[in-house]
C-alpha cells in the first residue's frame, strides 16, 4: 500500500504543456513513479518544500537588509 493511500487527498486538475506531460509519462514508464499523476504530485511536493512562505519571507527580508546596508 502506498503512503498516499493512507493520507486524505484532494483532487486537482492540472493543465500543462505537452512537453511537460511527456516528461511525466516517461518517468512513470521508466518505473520511477506508478503514474504520471504520482510524478506530478512529487514535483509539487518538492516545489512547495523549497518555496514555503516562511522561506520566501526570510529571503526577502535578507534582500531588504542587504539593500539597506548598501545605501549607507
Protein backbone atom coordinates (compact mmCIF):
# COMPACT_ATOMS: atom_id res chain seq x y z
CA UNK A 1 0.00 0.00 0.00
CA UNK A 2 1.29 3.45 -0.94
CA UNK A 3 1.75 6.12 1.73
CA UNK A 4 -0.60 8.42 -0.20
CA UNK A 5 -3.33 5.78 0.09
CA UNK A 6 -3.44 6.47 3.85
CA UNK A 7 -3.41 10.29 3.69
CA UNK A 8 -6.62 12.24 2.99
CA UNK A 9 -6.27 13.65 -0.51
CA UNK A 10 -7.98 16.26 -2.68
CA UNK A 11 -8.21 16.06 -6.46
CA UNK A 12 -7.00 18.96 -8.59
CA UNK A 13 -6.99 19.41 -12.35
CA UNK A 14 -3.67 20.39 -13.88
CA UNK A 15 -3.19 21.74 -17.38
CA UNK A 16 0.39 21.57 -18.56
CA UNK A 17 2.30 21.84 -21.81
CA UNK A 18 2.60 18.67 -23.90
CA UNK A 19 6.36 18.50 -23.33
CA UNK A 20 5.92 18.54 -19.55
CA UNK A 21 3.27 15.82 -19.77
CA UNK A 22 5.61 13.74 -21.93
CA UNK A 23 8.31 14.01 -19.25
CA UNK A 24 5.88 12.86 -16.56
CA UNK A 25 4.81 9.91 -18.74
CA UNK A 26 8.46 8.96 -19.40
CA UNK A 27 9.24 8.98 -15.66
CA UNK A 28 6.31 6.68 -15.00
CA UNK A 29 7.15 4.40 -17.94
CA UNK A 30 10.74 4.13 -16.69
CA UNK A 31 9.44 2.92 -13.34
CA UNK A 32 10.34 5.96 -11.27
CA UNK A 33 6.65 6.53 -10.44
CA UNK A 34 3.45 4.47 -10.58
CA UNK A 35 1.84 7.02 -12.89
CA UNK A 36 2.32 10.46 -14.44
CA UNK A 37 0.00 11.78 -11.71
CA UNK A 38 2.32 10.46 -8.99
CA UNK A 39 5.26 12.13 -10.75
CA UNK A 40 3.35 15.44 -10.81
CA UNK A 41 2.47 15.07 -7.13
CA UNK A 42 6.14 14.59 -6.24
CA UNK A 43 7.09 17.62 -8.34
CA UNK A 44 4.56 19.78 -6.50
CA UNK A 45 5.68 18.40 -3.13
CA UNK A 46 9.33 19.22 -3.88
CA UNK A 47 8.48 22.69 -5.19
CA UNK A 48 6.47 23.55 -2.09
CA UNK A 49 9.18 22.26 0.23
CA UNK A 50 11.63 24.69 -1.39
CA UNK A 51 9.23 27.64 -1.73
CA UNK A 52 7.44 27.89 1.59
CA UNK A 53 6.01 31.27 2.56
CA UNK A 54 8.34 31.43 5.55
CA UNK A 55 11.40 30.76 3.42
CA UNK A 56 10.36 33.38 0.87
CA UNK A 57 9.78 35.96 3.60
CA UNK A 58 13.18 35.19 5.12
CA UNK A 59 14.88 35.63 1.74
CA UNK A 60 13.02 38.89 1.08
CA UNK A 61 14.00 40.27 4.49
CA UNK A 62 17.63 39.33 3.85
CA UNK A 63 17.49 41.15 0.49
CA UNK A 64 15.95 44.23 2.12
CA UNK A 65 18.59 44.22 4.86
CA UNK A 66 21.34 43.90 2.25
CA UNK A 67 19.89 46.84 0.28
CA UNK A 68 19.62 49.00 3.38
CA UNK A 69 23.24 48.27 4.29
CA UNK A 70 24.37 49.11 0.74
CA UNK A 71 22.67 52.51 0.88
CA UNK A 72 24.66 53.62 3.94
